[in-house]
Amino acid sequence: MSLRTSAPGGRTQTATARARRVTPGTLEHVRRTIAAIGRTLVTLGLLILLFVAYQLWGTGIFTARAQHKLKSAFALEQQQYDRANHITPPTTGTTVPGRPTTTTTFPKTSQARPAPPIPPDGQAEGWITIPKIGLHMVFVEGTTRDDLEKGPGHYPATPMPGTIGDAAIAGHRTTYLHPFGDIDHLKAGDDIFIQTVAGTFDYEVYRAPLATGPNDWEVVPAEDVGIVADHPLDAELTLTSCHPKHYAEHRIVIKARLVVRKSSPPAKPRPQPAATTAHGKGKPQPVEASLAEGLSGQKRSLQPSIVWGILVAIVGLLWWWAFRRFRHPLVWMLGVVPFLVALFPFFVYLERALPSGY
């Protein structure tokens, strides 16, 4: 027996039942649900765009403030070093990139200056100037995430620039003022000036041993710490950063040699910090530890990011409720301020907790 009996007007009973179920109220409910999902997706998209903007430009706020303090700190270190070693800084002459008060004629004496003191991690160690890419910043000791937020960082397990050995400096390419953002533009023959308290040293870029194609630099896996292994026979400089931009999967390597005739007398090698092995109290070597933290993110920033994320959600919901209730532009404008105040620290901790994109 068929259930599809005819009804007046040519419509079946099934169609009539369906029409009774699809009421105007049901359509309104579906419409509101779709609209709510759309608004949620748009809000999430805007938050993601804001977070990307913070990474690219907002992080530079911390670096700019740190650089201002580091400049004064390095000037004080220079004065203390000169005073302790009875060095009278020159007051006349032509400026050299990275050394505002010196001459272009460097002393030819082979007498080495005393080894510069080892600053604490995150403290000023010198200036790095690369005219080709317009870089002129203070670099610090250390390559942890906190160190590189202040500027380029010197690998603690490598020699000091201006001494025999392969000194290595790392830096960001896309965040925190992106000091090494354009180092892929460097070619063989370009100058890199390093100033420490012991003098100014001119390094000249040369084609890296594993370079391919027209480029004079090489690309290695991000975890490859062999790129900063010391070579005690030459005075060299290695610059490293993530490659390509916005990713941390590989590392770009720039190699340079010291031009002795254009540099200050070399400083005496300073004692290197003791390197603990993976079998020594369970701690990795300093270089490996620095790279690991820089690539995997700070675990200590995870909990604050969750707390601030919950606070952002609460403030956002209160803002939405107030605007829905009163429907006035002033209410919307007043809600922006506390929301952005809560959003900024959330972005700060979230960026530090996530794997670095450099």
Protein backbone atom coordinates (compact mmCIF):
# COMPACT_ATOMS: atom_id res chain seq x y z
CA MET A 1 0.00 0.00 0.00
CA SER A 2 1.46 3.37 -1.04
CA LEU A 3 1.90 6.21 1.47
CA ARG A 4 2.03 8.85 -1.26
CA THR A 5 -1.70 9.60 -1.62
CA SER A 6 -2.89 12.58 -3.54
CA ALA A 7 -3.90 15.77 -1.79
CA PRO A 8 -5.96 18.71 -3.02
CA GLY A 9 -4.08 20.94 -5.45
CA GLY A 10 -1.88 18.09 -6.73
CA ARG A 11 0.51 18.07 -3.72
CA THR A 12 1.31 14.83 -1.90
CA GLN A 13 0.96 14.31 1.83
CA THR A 14 4.78 13.97 2.09
CA ALA A 15 5.32 17.39 0.56
CA THR A 16 2.67 18.84 2.86
CA ALA A 17 4.41 17.36 5.92
CA ARG A 18 7.73 18.78 4.78
CA ALA A 19 6.18 22.19 4.28
CA ARG A 20 4.79 22.08 7.81
CA ARG A 21 8.23 21.27 9.21
CA VAL A 22 10.06 24.07 7.31
CA THR A 23 8.48 27.02 9.07
CA PRO A 24 9.60 30.66 8.96
CA GLY A 25 11.03 30.19 12.44
CA THR A 26 13.21 27.31 11.25
CA LEU A 27 14.57 29.34 8.35
CA GLU A 28 15.34 32.22 10.69
CA HIS A 29 17.20 29.88 13.04
CA VAL A 30 19.31 28.50 10.18
CA ARG A 31 20.03 32.00 8.94
CA ARG A 32 21.19 33.14 12.37
CA THR A 33 23.37 30.06 12.80
CA ILE A 34 25.08 30.63 9.45
CA ALA A 35 25.54 34.33 10.23
CA ALA A 36 27.08 33.50 13.64
CA ILE A 37 29.50 31.04 12.06
CA GLY A 38 30.44 33.65 9.46
CA ARG A 39 31.08 36.32 12.09
CA THR A 40 33.19 33.87 14.11
CA LEU A 41 35.32 32.96 11.12
CA VAL A 42 35.77 36.63 10.18
CA THR A 43 36.81 37.44 13.77
CA LEU A 44 39.32 34.58 13.82
CA GLY A 45 40.69 35.72 10.47
CA LEU A 46 41.15 39.28 11.76
CA LEU A 47 42.91 38.00 14.89
CA ILE A 48 45.27 35.92 12.76
CA LEU A 49 46.05 38.94 10.59
CA LEU A 50 46.69 41.04 13.70
CA PHE A 51 49.01 38.35 15.05
CA VAL A 52 50.96 38.25 11.78
CA ALA A 53 51.21 42.05 11.85
CA TYR A 54 52.51 41.86 15.42
CA GLN A 55 55.16 39.32 14.41
CA LEU A 56 56.37 41.37 11.46
CA TRP A 57 56.25 44.84 12.97
CA GLY A 58 55.13 44.75 16.61
CA THR A 59 58.08 42.66 17.76
CA GLY A 60 60.38 45.46 16.60
CA ILE A 61 59.22 47.54 19.57
CA PHE A 62 61.16 45.31 21.96
CA THR A 63 64.26 45.30 19.74
CA ALA A 64 64.26 49.08 19.31
CA ARG A 65 64.05 49.61 23.08
CA ALA A 66 66.77 47.04 23.70
CA GLN A 67 69.07 48.59 21.08
CA HIS A 68 68.75 52.00 22.71
CA LYS A 69 69.95 50.56 26.02
CA LEU A 70 72.65 48.42 24.39
CA LYS A 71 74.22 51.42 22.66
CA SER A 72 74.75 53.19 25.97
CA ALA A 73 75.96 49.96 27.60
CA PHE A 74 78.54 49.33 24.88
CA ALA A 75 79.83 52.90 25.05
CA LEU A 76 80.39 52.40 28.78
CA GLU A 77 82.14 49.06 28.15
CA GLN A 78 84.43 50.78 25.65
CA GLN A 79 85.39 53.45 28.17
CA GLN A 80 86.08 50.88 30.88
CA TYR A 81 88.19 48.73 28.52
CA ASP A 82 90.24 51.72 27.31
CA ARG A 83 90.76 52.96 30.85
CA ALA A 84 91.78 49.55 32.16
CA ASN A 85 94.31 49.06 29.34
CA HIS A 86 95.53 52.68 29.19
CA ILE A 87 94.25 53.17 25.65
CA THR A 88 93.63 56.68 24.40
CA PRO A 89 90.89 56.66 21.76
CA PRO A 90 91.58 58.82 18.69
CA THR A 91 89.60 62.03 18.39
CA THR A 92 90.19 62.85 14.73
CA GLY A 93 90.08 61.04 11.43
CA THR A 94 87.70 59.70 8.86
CA THR A 95 84.85 57.57 10.09
CA VAL A 96 84.68 53.90 9.35
CA PRO A 97 81.35 52.02 9.35
CA GLY A 98 80.79 50.67 12.85
CA ARG A 99 83.56 52.76 14.43
CA PRO A 100 82.56 56.45 14.66
CA THR A 101 85.82 57.64 16.27
CA THR A 102 88.70 56.09 14.38
CA THR A 103 90.67 56.51 11.16
CA THR A 104 90.69 54.50 7.95
CA THR A 105 94.40 53.79 8.44
CA PHE A 106 94.58 50.90 10.88
CA PRO A 107 97.75 50.26 12.89
CA LYS A 108 100.06 47.68 11.32
CA THR A 109 101.61 46.59 14.59
CA SER A 110 101.21 42.90 15.40
CA GLN A 111 100.90 43.56 19.12
CA ALA A 112 97.57 42.13 20.20
CA ARG A 113 95.29 43.95 22.58
CA PRO A 114 94.09 42.24 25.75
CA ALA A 115 91.16 39.87 25.32
CA PRO A 116 87.80 41.63 25.72
CA PRO A 117 85.82 40.59 28.78
CA ILE A 118 83.03 38.09 28.27
CA PRO A 119 79.71 39.90 28.82
CA PRO A 120 76.74 38.07 30.34
CA ASP A 121 74.22 36.55 27.95
CA GLY A 122 72.05 39.20 26.35
CA GLN A 123 74.51 42.03 26.99
CA ALA A 124 76.20 44.22 24.37
CA GLU A 125 79.31 42.75 22.75
CA GLY A 126 79.88 45.03 19.78
CA TRP A 127 78.54 46.58 16.59
CA ILE A 128 77.87 44.79 13.32
CA THR A 129 77.67 46.92 10.17
CA ILE A 130 76.89 45.62 6.68
CA PRO A 131 76.73 48.55 4.22
CA LYS A 132 75.33 46.36 1.42
CA ILE A 133 72.06 45.75 3.29
CA GLY A 134 72.01 48.88 5.45
CA LEU A 135 72.58 47.06 8.74
CA HIS A 136 74.10 48.87 11.73
CA MET A 137 73.12 47.32 15.07
CA VAL A 138 74.60 46.28 18.39
CA PHE A 139 75.02 42.51 18.69
CA VAL A 140 74.81 40.69 22.00
CA GLU A 141 76.34 37.65 23.62
CA GLY A 142 74.15 34.56 23.22
CA THR A 143 71.72 33.15 20.68
CA THR A 144 68.75 32.11 22.79
CA ARG A 145 65.31 33.45 21.94
CA ASP A 146 65.59 36.21 24.56
CA ASP A 147 69.02 37.22 23.26
CA LEU A 148 67.96 37.45 19.62
CA GLU A 149 65.00 39.63 20.55
CA LYS A 150 67.52 42.36 21.35
CA GLY A 151 69.49 42.09 18.12
CA PRO A 152 71.98 39.79 16.39
CA GLY A 153 73.60 37.34 18.80
CA HIS A 154 77.13 35.92 19.03
CA TYR A 155 77.33 32.14 19.50
CA PRO A 156 78.92 31.69 22.97
CA ALA A 157 80.90 28.60 21.92
CA THR A 158 82.69 30.44 19.09
CA PRO A 159 85.65 32.84 19.22
CA MET A 160 85.24 36.57 19.51
CA PRO A 161 85.30 38.51 16.21
CA GLY A 162 88.78 39.90 15.61
CA THR A 163 90.57 36.81 16.91
CA ILE A 164 91.81 33.62 15.27
CA GLY A 165 88.97 31.19 14.70
CA ASP A 166 85.49 31.16 13.21
CA ALA A 167 83.30 33.69 15.03
CA ALA A 168 79.57 33.17 14.42
CA ILE A 169 76.64 35.56 14.71
CA ALA A 170 72.94 34.74 14.26
CA GLY A 171 70.00 37.07 13.62
CA HIS A 172 66.34 37.23 12.65
CA ARG A 173 65.17 37.67 9.06
CA THR A 174 61.49 38.57 9.48
CA THR A 175 60.87 39.57 13.10
CA TYR A 176 62.46 41.81 15.75
CA LEU A 177 63.56 44.47 13.21
CA HIS A 178 64.78 41.63 10.91
CA PRO A 179 68.51 42.57 11.05
CA PHE A 180 69.49 39.73 8.68
CA GLY A 181 66.44 40.10 6.46
CA ASP A 182 68.49 40.71 3.30
CA ILE A 183 71.70 38.78 3.92
CA ASP A 184 70.84 36.63 0.91
CA HIS A 185 71.78 39.72 -1.15
CA LEU A 186 75.42 39.51 -0.02
CA LYS A 187 77.99 38.53 -2.62
CA ALA A 188 81.66 37.64 -2.53
CA GLY A 189 83.68 40.80 -1.91
CA ASP A 190 81.07 42.60 0.24
CA ASP A 191 82.31 44.03 3.53
CA ILE A 192 81.10 43.17 7.03
CA PHE A 193 82.45 45.45 9.77
CA ILE A 194 82.60 44.23 13.36
CA GLN A 195 83.47 46.62 16.19
CA THR A 196 84.32 45.37 19.66
CA VAL A 197 86.02 47.14 22.53
CA ALA A 198 89.31 45.78 21.12
CA GLY A 199 88.95 47.49 17.74
CA THR A 200 87.20 47.42 14.36
CA PHE A 201 87.59 44.43 12.05
CA ASP A 202 86.78 44.28 8.34
CA TYR A 203 85.57 40.93 7.05
CA GLU A 204 85.12 40.21 3.35
CA VAL A 205 82.47 37.78 2.16
CA TYR A 206 83.72 34.81 0.15
CA ARG A 207 81.89 32.01 -1.63
CA ALA A 208 80.80 29.42 0.92
CA PRO A 209 82.26 25.91 0.43
CA LEU A 210 78.85 24.31 -0.21
CA ALA A 211 77.34 27.18 -2.19
CA THR A 212 75.45 26.21 -5.33
CA GLY A 213 74.34 28.12 -8.38
CA PRO A 214 74.93 31.88 -8.66
CA ASN A 215 74.67 32.45 -4.91
CA ASP A 216 77.77 32.78 -2.71
CA TRP A 217 75.99 31.44 0.37
CA GLU A 218 74.88 27.95 1.34
CA VAL A 219 71.78 26.46 2.94
CA VAL A 220 71.90 23.74 5.60
CA PRO A 221 69.34 22.00 7.85
CA ALA A 222 68.24 24.13 10.79
CA GLU A 223 69.68 21.68 13.35
CA ASP A 224 73.14 21.59 11.73
CA VAL A 225 75.49 23.02 14.37
CA GLY A 226 78.56 22.09 12.31
CA ILE A 227 78.27 25.40 10.46
CA VAL A 228 79.63 27.20 13.52
CA ALA A 229 82.36 24.69 14.34
CA ASP A 230 85.58 26.52 15.13
CA HIS A 231 88.44 26.56 12.60
CA PRO A 232 91.49 27.73 14.60
CA LEU A 233 93.77 28.41 11.61
CA ASP A 234 91.98 31.43 10.11
CA ALA A 235 90.15 34.51 11.34
CA GLU A 236 86.70 34.08 9.86
CA LEU A 237 83.13 35.18 10.44
CA THR A 238 79.93 33.17 9.92
CA LEU A 239 76.49 34.75 9.74
CA THR A 240 73.46 32.49 10.09
CA SER A 241 69.72 32.98 9.86
CA CYS A 242 66.65 31.00 8.88
CA HIS A 243 65.91 30.35 5.22
CA PRO A 244 63.73 31.06 3.40
CA LYS A 245 62.04 34.02 5.05
CA HIS A 246 59.14 33.21 7.40
CA TYR A 247 60.33 29.62 7.88
CA ALA A 248 62.77 27.89 10.23
CA GLU A 249 63.30 24.67 8.29
CA HIS A 250 66.75 25.59 6.94
CA ARG A 251 69.58 27.95 7.73
CA ILE A 252 71.37 30.33 5.39
CA VAL A 253 75.13 30.59 5.95
CA ILE A 254 77.33 33.55 4.97
CA LYS A 255 81.11 33.10 5.25
CA ALA A 256 83.67 35.93 5.46
CA ARG A 257 87.43 36.29 6.11
CA LEU A 258 89.23 38.96 8.08
CA VAL A 259 91.05 41.55 5.97
CA VAL A 260 94.08 42.09 8.19
CA ARG A 261 95.45 45.16 6.42
CA LYS A 262 92.16 47.02 6.91
CA SER A 263 91.52 45.94 10.49
CA SER A 264 92.67 46.79 13.99
CA PRO A 265 95.40 44.65 15.52
CA PRO A 266 93.88 41.30 16.45
CA ALA A 267 92.86 40.82 20.04
CA LYS A 268 94.21 38.00 22.16
CA PRO A 269 91.90 34.96 22.14
CA ARG A 270 89.67 34.90 25.16
CA PRO A 271 88.90 31.72 27.09
CA GLN A 272 85.85 29.97 25.72
CA PRO A 273 83.03 28.87 28.05
CA ALA A 274 83.11 25.23 28.98
CA ALA A 275 80.80 23.17 26.80
CA THR A 276 78.73 20.56 28.56
CA THR A 277 77.92 17.45 26.59
CA ALA A 278 74.69 15.58 26.31
CA HIS A 279 76.06 13.16 28.92
CA GLY A 280 76.99 15.88 31.40
CA LYS A 281 74.06 16.28 33.79
CA GLY A 282 71.72 15.76 30.87
CA LYS A 283 72.47 19.17 29.34
CA PRO A 284 73.30 19.67 25.66
CA GLN A 285 76.13 21.80 24.36
CA PRO A 286 75.52 25.58 24.46
CA VAL A 287 75.13 25.91 20.69
CA GLU A 288 72.68 23.00 20.51
CA ALA A 289 70.71 24.34 23.46
CA SER A 290 70.46 27.78 21.86
CA LEU A 291 69.31 26.37 18.53
CA ALA A 292 66.82 24.05 20.21
CA GLU A 293 65.15 26.85 22.14
CA GLY A 294 65.19 29.19 19.16
CA LEU A 295 63.46 26.64 16.94
CA SER A 296 61.02 24.99 19.35
CA GLY A 297 59.83 28.00 21.33
CA GLN A 298 59.90 28.84 25.03
CA LYS A 299 58.08 26.35 27.20
CA ARG A 300 57.85 28.87 30.02
CA SER A 301 55.75 31.17 27.77
CA LEU A 302 53.09 28.50 27.12
CA GLN A 303 51.19 28.87 30.39
CA PRO A 304 51.04 32.72 30.32
CA SER A 305 49.82 32.57 26.72
CA ILE A 306 46.95 30.27 27.76
CA VAL A 307 46.02 32.53 30.70
CA TRP A 308 46.05 35.66 28.56
CA GLY A 309 44.14 33.84 25.81
CA ILE A 310 41.33 33.04 28.27
CA LEU A 311 41.32 36.65 29.44
CA VAL A 312 41.08 37.87 25.83
CA ALA A 313 38.11 35.56 25.25
CA ILE A 314 36.34 36.85 28.37
CA VAL A 315 36.92 40.50 27.46
CA GLY A 316 35.82 39.84 23.89
CA LEU A 317 32.58 38.16 24.98
CA LEU A 318 31.76 41.01 27.40
CA TRP A 319 32.45 43.51 24.62
CA TRP A 320 30.15 41.60 22.25
CA TRP A 321 27.38 41.32 24.90
CA ALA A 322 27.52 45.05 25.72
CA PHE A 323 27.35 46.05 22.07
CA ARG A 324 24.47 43.65 21.36
CA ARG A 325 22.56 45.04 24.32
CA PHE A 326 23.02 48.77 23.75
CA ARG A 327 23.77 49.00 20.00
CA HIS A 328 25.67 52.28 20.21
CA PRO A 329 28.96 53.14 18.39
CA LEU A 330 30.37 54.56 21.63
CA VAL A 331 29.95 51.18 23.32
CA TRP A 332 31.87 49.52 20.50
CA MET A 333 34.69 52.10 20.70
CA LEU A 334 34.95 51.79 24.47
CA GLY A 335 35.24 48.02 24.16
CA VAL A 336 38.20 48.23 21.78
CA VAL A 337 40.58 49.60 24.42
CA PRO A 338 40.41 46.79 27.04
CA PHE A 339 40.32 44.18 24.28
CA LEU A 340 43.57 45.45 22.70
CA VAL A 341 45.17 45.83 26.14
CA ALA A 342 44.53 42.13 26.81
CA LEU A 343 45.38 41.10 23.24
CA PHE A 344 48.91 42.55 23.20
CA PRO A 345 50.42 40.44 26.04
CA PHE A 346 48.60 37.41 24.62
CA PHE A 347 50.39 37.94 21.31
CA VAL A 348 53.72 38.49 23.11
CA TYR A 349 53.59 35.18 24.99
CA LEU A 350 52.05 33.27 22.09
CA GLU A 351 54.80 34.39 19.71
CA ARG A 352 57.45 33.27 22.18
CA ALA A 353 55.75 29.92 22.82
CA LEU A 354 55.39 29.03 19.14
CA PRO A 355 58.26 27.67 17.04
CA SER A 356 60.30 30.54 15.67
CA GLY A 357 59.88 31.60 12.05
CA TYR A 358 62.79 34.04 12.21
